[in-house]
Amino acid sequence: MIVFWEHVFILITFLPILIPRLHEVPKIRARTWGFLLFSGFAGSAVGTIFFTLSLKYGNPTVVNVILNIQPVISTIGAFLLFGDRLARPFFFYAAVAIVAGVFVSVTNPSMIGVSFEQAGLNLGTGYALICALFWGLSTVAGRGVMMGMSLRLASSMRIVVGLACMTLILLAYGKLDGAALWPAAAQAHTGKAIVLLFCLASISGGIPLLIYFQGLRLTRASTAGYFEMMQTLAAVCITWGVFHASLHVHQVAAAIILIAAVAMVHQVQQEIEPAQPND
C-alpha cells in the first residue's frame, strides 16, 4: 500500500511538469514506449514490491548489500540491448560478485550442505535478488527511454506507468478498496500519515527520480548502475548503525569482496568505453 500511495503523491507533485509536456506524447516511438512500459513496470512497481518484501523477510543490511549486484545485471542488459562492449575481465569479476553476494546472505556457511534455510538463505535473499534483477534491467530500459523523450516527460510518464501497474496488481489481489488502501492505523492518524507519505514521495521518490533520469541522459546504461551503489551503501550504514541489523564477520568480508568486484567491473568497462561513440 505504501508503494501505491507513494506513486499517487509523486504523480500529484509531477502534474505541473507532466501537463505542459502532454503534446509530446503522440511523437513517442513504439520502441521508446516499450522501454517506458518496462521501466515503469520493473522499476517503479514490481522492483519496489520485491524490495519491500525482502526487507520484511530478510536482514535489511544483507538486502542492501545484495542489491550491489544490480550494476552487473545492468551491464549485461546494456550489452544485449544497446551493444555496449564487455571487457574480457568482466565475466571473472561478475562471477566473483555473484558468489560474494550469495555468501553475504549466508549466516551459517557450515550448514550449506545441510539446508539452505538453516544456512541463512531465506525468502528475503530471494526477493532481494529478484529486486536487483528488475532494478538492473529497469536502469537499462530507462536509458532507452531517455533516448526517445525529454527528461520531464520521461520521469512523469514513468510514475504514470508505475501507478497503473500498482493499481492492476492491487486489483488482481482484491485489495483495491478503502479498508485495504487506507487501513485503520492510517485513519487514526490521517494528518500524520499524509505528511509522512508526502515526505517519502518527495525525498525518496520524486526528486531522486528527476536526478536519476538526468543521469541516464548523460551516461551509458552499462555505467549508470554503478552509481546506484551509493544508495545501497548509504542504506547499509543506516540499517546497521540505526537499526542494529549487523552482519557476521564472514558476511562483512563477503560484502567487501562484492563491492570490490563490482568496482572492478566498472573499472574494466571504463577502459573500453572511451573508444566507443556516444549514444
Protein backbone atom coordinates (compact mmCIF):
# COMPACT_ATOMS: atom_id res chain seq x y z
CA MET A 1 0.00 0.00 0.00
CA ILE A 2 2.87 2.34 0.75
CA VAL A 3 4.22 1.92 -2.78
CA PHE A 4 0.78 2.72 -4.24
CA TRP A 5 0.34 5.91 -2.22
CA GLU A 6 3.92 6.95 -2.89
CA HIS A 7 3.16 6.85 -6.63
CA VAL A 8 -0.08 8.80 -6.11
CA PHE A 9 1.69 11.58 -4.22
CA ILE A 10 4.58 11.73 -6.70
CA LEU A 11 2.13 11.96 -9.62
CA ILE A 12 0.27 14.82 -7.91
CA THR A 13 3.52 16.76 -7.43
CA PHE A 14 4.60 15.97 -11.01
CA LEU A 15 1.39 17.22 -12.66
CA PRO A 16 2.82 20.73 -13.27
CA ILE A 17 5.71 19.01 -15.09
CA LEU A 18 3.61 16.47 -16.97
CA ILE A 19 0.70 18.58 -18.26
CA PRO A 20 2.80 21.05 -20.34
CA ARG A 21 4.57 18.09 -21.97
CA LEU A 22 1.49 16.07 -22.97
CA HIS A 23 1.73 17.41 -26.55
CA GLU A 24 4.94 15.34 -26.92
CA VAL A 25 3.16 12.03 -26.24
CA PRO A 26 1.96 11.40 -29.85
CA LYS A 27 5.56 11.79 -31.04
CA ILE A 28 6.88 8.95 -28.86
CA ARG A 29 8.06 6.00 -30.95
CA ALA A 30 6.92 2.43 -30.27
CA ARG A 31 10.42 1.36 -29.16
CA THR A 32 10.54 4.17 -26.60
CA TRP A 33 7.05 3.21 -25.35
CA GLY A 34 8.34 -0.33 -24.83
CA PHE A 35 11.27 0.89 -22.76
CA LEU A 36 8.98 3.20 -20.78
CA LEU A 37 6.42 0.49 -20.01
CA PHE A 38 9.10 -1.93 -18.87
CA SER A 39 10.91 0.74 -16.83
CA GLY A 40 7.72 1.68 -15.02
CA PHE A 41 6.67 -1.94 -14.54
CA ALA A 42 10.05 -3.31 -13.44
CA GLY A 43 11.42 -0.30 -11.57
CA SER A 44 8.52 1.59 -10.07
CA ALA A 45 6.10 -1.26 -9.38
CA VAL A 46 7.49 -4.80 -9.29
CA GLY A 47 11.02 -3.97 -8.18
CA THR A 48 9.78 -1.82 -5.31
CA ILE A 49 7.36 -4.54 -4.20
CA PHE A 50 10.12 -7.15 -4.06
CA PHE A 51 12.37 -4.70 -2.21
CA THR A 52 9.65 -4.22 0.41
CA LEU A 53 9.20 -7.99 0.71
CA SER A 54 12.95 -8.55 1.04
CA LEU A 55 13.07 -6.09 3.96
CA LYS A 56 10.10 -7.86 5.54
CA TYR A 57 11.58 -11.36 5.38
CA GLY A 58 15.32 -10.70 5.49
CA ASN A 59 18.06 -8.79 7.29
CA PRO A 60 17.86 -5.22 5.86
CA THR A 61 21.65 -4.85 5.86
CA VAL A 62 22.05 -8.10 3.91
CA VAL A 63 19.35 -7.00 1.47
CA ASN A 64 21.06 -3.69 0.74
CA VAL A 65 24.44 -5.34 0.22
CA ILE A 66 22.95 -7.90 -2.18
CA LEU A 67 21.47 -5.07 -4.24
CA ASN A 68 25.02 -4.06 -5.14
CA ILE A 69 24.90 -6.86 -7.71
CA GLN A 70 22.47 -4.73 -9.69
CA PRO A 71 25.18 -2.98 -11.81
CA VAL A 72 26.37 -6.35 -13.13
CA ILE A 73 22.84 -7.02 -14.36
CA SER A 74 22.54 -3.56 -15.96
CA THR A 75 25.89 -4.05 -17.73
CA ILE A 76 24.73 -7.35 -19.24
CA GLY A 77 21.41 -5.77 -20.22
CA ALA A 78 23.19 -2.85 -21.90
CA PHE A 79 25.35 -5.33 -23.82
CA LEU A 80 22.28 -7.21 -25.08
CA LEU A 81 20.09 -4.18 -25.89
CA PHE A 82 22.48 -1.38 -26.89
CA GLY A 83 25.55 -3.32 -27.97
CA ASP A 84 27.78 -1.94 -25.21
CA ARG A 85 31.02 -3.91 -25.28
CA LEU A 86 32.04 -6.16 -22.41
CA ALA A 87 35.69 -6.25 -21.37
CA ARG A 88 37.29 -9.68 -21.09
CA PRO A 89 37.78 -9.49 -17.29
CA PHE A 90 34.08 -8.60 -16.89
CA PHE A 91 32.97 -12.23 -16.64
CA PHE A 92 35.52 -13.07 -13.94
CA TYR A 93 34.64 -10.10 -11.71
CA ALA A 94 30.90 -10.60 -12.35
CA ALA A 95 31.19 -14.23 -11.20
CA VAL A 96 33.09 -13.13 -8.07
CA ALA A 97 30.39 -10.56 -7.33
CA ILE A 98 27.62 -13.13 -7.65
CA VAL A 99 29.35 -15.67 -5.40
CA ALA A 100 30.15 -12.96 -2.84
CA GLY A 101 26.52 -11.85 -2.94
CA VAL A 102 25.43 -15.36 -2.04
CA PHE A 103 27.85 -15.56 0.89
CA VAL A 104 26.67 -12.20 2.20
CA SER A 105 23.28 -13.86 2.62
CA VAL A 106 24.65 -16.93 4.41
CA THR A 107 24.69 -16.58 8.19
CA ASN A 108 25.91 -20.15 8.82
CA PRO A 109 28.24 -21.28 5.97
CA SER A 110 28.81 -24.69 7.56
CA MET A 111 25.11 -25.50 7.12
CA ILE A 112 25.02 -25.01 3.33
CA GLY A 113 25.41 -28.73 2.72
CA VAL A 114 22.59 -29.49 5.15
CA SER A 115 19.95 -26.91 4.32
CA PHE A 116 19.88 -23.58 2.50
CA GLU A 117 17.32 -22.32 5.01
CA GLN A 118 19.49 -23.26 8.00
CA ALA A 119 22.45 -21.60 6.28
CA GLY A 120 20.50 -18.36 6.18
CA LEU A 121 19.31 -18.25 2.57
CA ASN A 122 15.71 -17.25 3.23
CA LEU A 123 12.88 -15.60 1.34
CA GLY A 124 14.43 -12.20 1.96
CA THR A 125 17.51 -13.25 -0.02
CA GLY A 126 15.42 -14.45 -2.94
CA TYR A 127 13.31 -11.31 -3.01
CA ALA A 128 16.44 -9.14 -2.89
CA LEU A 129 17.93 -10.97 -5.89
CA ILE A 130 14.69 -10.59 -7.86
CA CYS A 131 14.59 -6.91 -6.92
CA ALA A 132 18.19 -6.47 -8.14
CA LEU A 133 17.24 -8.16 -11.43
CA PHE A 134 14.26 -5.88 -12.05
CA TRP A 135 16.03 -2.70 -10.95
CA GLY A 136 19.10 -3.53 -13.03
CA LEU A 137 17.02 -4.11 -16.16
CA SER A 138 14.96 -1.02 -15.34
CA THR A 139 18.15 1.06 -15.45
CA VAL A 140 18.83 -0.22 -18.97
CA ALA A 141 15.24 0.47 -20.03
CA GLY A 142 15.47 3.95 -18.51
CA ARG A 143 18.44 4.70 -20.74
CA GLY A 144 16.33 3.64 -23.71
CA VAL A 145 13.55 5.98 -22.56
CA MET A 146 15.92 8.94 -22.36
CA MET A 147 16.99 8.35 -25.95
CA GLY A 148 13.44 8.99 -27.13
CA MET A 149 11.85 11.68 -24.93
CA SER A 150 12.54 14.69 -22.75
CA LEU A 151 13.62 14.47 -19.11
CA ARG A 152 10.41 15.91 -17.65
CA LEU A 153 8.11 13.75 -19.76
CA ALA A 154 10.15 10.59 -19.10
CA SER A 155 10.18 11.00 -15.32
CA SER A 156 6.46 11.87 -15.21
CA MET A 157 5.35 9.07 -17.52
CA ARG A 158 7.34 6.51 -15.54
CA ILE A 159 5.25 7.41 -12.48
CA VAL A 160 2.04 7.15 -14.54
CA VAL A 161 3.04 3.68 -15.77
CA GLY A 162 4.18 2.61 -12.30
CA LEU A 163 0.90 3.74 -10.72
CA ALA A 164 -1.11 1.93 -13.41
CA CYS A 165 0.86 -1.26 -12.75
CA MET A 166 0.39 -0.95 -8.99
CA THR A 167 -3.35 -0.42 -9.47
CA LEU A 168 -3.62 -3.56 -11.60
CA ILE A 169 -1.59 -5.57 -9.05
CA LEU A 170 -3.82 -4.44 -6.17
CA LEU A 171 -6.91 -5.18 -8.26
CA ALA A 172 -5.64 -8.69 -9.01
CA TYR A 173 -5.10 -9.34 -5.28
CA GLY A 174 -8.51 -7.88 -4.38
CA LYS A 175 -7.01 -5.08 -2.30
CA LEU A 176 -8.31 -2.11 -4.29
CA ASP A 177 -10.78 -0.99 -1.64
CA GLY A 178 -10.89 1.68 1.05
CA ALA A 179 -10.14 -0.58 4.00
CA ALA A 180 -7.07 -2.06 2.35
CA LEU A 181 -5.76 1.15 0.80
CA TRP A 182 -6.21 3.24 3.94
CA PRO A 183 -6.08 0.89 6.97
CA ALA A 184 -7.22 1.68 10.50
CA ALA A 185 -3.76 2.85 11.59
CA ALA A 186 -3.71 5.48 8.85
CA GLN A 187 -7.30 6.50 9.56
CA ALA A 188 -6.45 7.08 13.23
CA HIS A 189 -3.63 9.47 12.27
CA THR A 190 -4.69 10.78 8.86
CA GLY A 191 -2.75 14.04 9.02
CA LYS A 192 0.46 12.39 10.14
CA ALA A 193 0.11 9.65 7.51
CA ILE A 194 -0.34 12.20 4.70
CA VAL A 195 2.68 14.23 5.82
CA LEU A 196 4.89 11.13 6.05
CA LEU A 197 3.73 9.86 2.65
CA PHE A 198 4.41 13.27 1.11
CA CYS A 199 7.92 13.30 2.59
CA LEU A 200 8.51 9.75 1.33
CA ALA A 201 7.21 10.66 -2.13
CA SER A 202 9.39 13.76 -2.44
CA ILE A 203 12.62 12.81 -0.65
CA SER A 204 12.94 9.19 -1.81
CA GLY A 205 10.73 9.33 -4.90
CA GLY A 206 10.17 12.44 -6.99
CA ILE A 207 13.40 14.40 -6.53
CA PRO A 208 15.73 11.37 -6.93
CA LEU A 209 13.73 10.26 -10.00
CA LEU A 210 14.42 13.54 -11.82
CA ILE A 211 18.12 13.31 -10.96
CA TYR A 212 18.12 9.63 -11.97
CA PHE A 213 16.77 10.28 -15.47
CA GLN A 214 19.11 13.23 -15.97
CA GLY A 215 21.99 10.90 -15.08
CA LEU A 216 20.75 8.32 -17.57
CA ARG A 217 20.74 11.02 -20.25
CA LEU A 218 24.43 11.74 -19.63
CA THR A 219 25.82 8.22 -19.05
CA ARG A 220 25.77 4.81 -20.67
CA ALA A 221 23.35 2.20 -19.37
CA SER A 222 26.28 -0.11 -18.64
CA THR A 223 27.81 2.57 -16.38
CA ALA A 224 24.77 4.15 -14.71
CA GLY A 225 24.08 1.20 -12.43
CA TYR A 226 27.40 1.59 -10.63
CA PHE A 227 26.46 5.00 -9.30
CA GLU A 228 23.35 3.45 -7.75
CA MET A 229 25.65 1.52 -5.43
CA MET A 230 25.88 4.68 -3.32
CA GLN A 231 22.21 4.27 -2.44
CA THR A 232 22.65 0.74 -1.14
CA LEU A 233 25.87 1.60 0.70
CA ALA A 234 24.15 4.50 2.44
CA ALA A 235 21.26 2.19 3.33
CA VAL A 236 23.70 -0.34 4.83
CA CYS A 237 25.15 2.36 7.10
CA ILE A 238 21.65 3.32 8.23
CA THR A 239 20.31 -0.19 8.79
CA TRP A 240 23.45 -1.25 10.66
CA GLY A 241 24.09 1.95 12.59
CA VAL A 242 20.50 2.97 13.38
CA PHE A 243 18.53 -0.28 13.35
CA HIS A 244 21.40 -2.52 14.51
CA ALA A 245 20.90 -5.05 11.70
CA SER A 246 24.52 -6.20 11.89
CA LEU A 247 26.49 -8.72 9.83
CA HIS A 248 28.76 -11.60 10.86
CA VAL A 249 32.50 -11.31 10.18
CA HIS A 250 32.37 -13.57 7.11
CA GLN A 251 29.42 -11.53 5.76
CA VAL A 252 31.40 -8.32 6.14
CA ALA A 253 34.30 -9.93 4.26
CA ALA A 254 31.93 -11.13 1.51
CA ALA A 255 30.37 -7.66 1.32
CA ILE A 256 33.80 -6.06 0.84
CA ILE A 257 34.65 -8.59 -1.88
CA LEU A 258 31.27 -7.95 -3.55
CA ILE A 259 31.77 -4.18 -3.60
CA ALA A 260 35.37 -4.54 -4.80
CA ALA A 261 34.34 -6.94 -7.58
CA VAL A 262 31.58 -4.60 -8.78
CA ALA A 263 34.03 -1.67 -8.65
CA MET A 264 36.45 -3.69 -10.82
CA VAL A 265 33.66 -4.44 -13.28
CA HIS A 266 33.14 -0.69 -13.57
CA GLN A 267 36.88 -0.10 -13.95
CA VAL A 268 37.40 -2.61 -16.77
CA GLN A 269 34.28 -1.35 -18.55
CA GLN A 270 35.53 2.24 -18.34
CA GLU A 271 38.75 1.22 -20.06
CA ILE A 272 36.94 0.17 -23.24
CA GLU A 273 34.12 2.74 -23.33
CA PRO A 274 36.06 5.88 -24.36
CA ALA A 275 36.79 4.26 -27.73
CA GLN A 276 33.05 3.87 -28.43
CA PRO A 277 30.86 6.59 -29.97
CA ASN A 278 28.40 8.35 -27.68
CA ASP A 279 24.84 7.04 -27.59
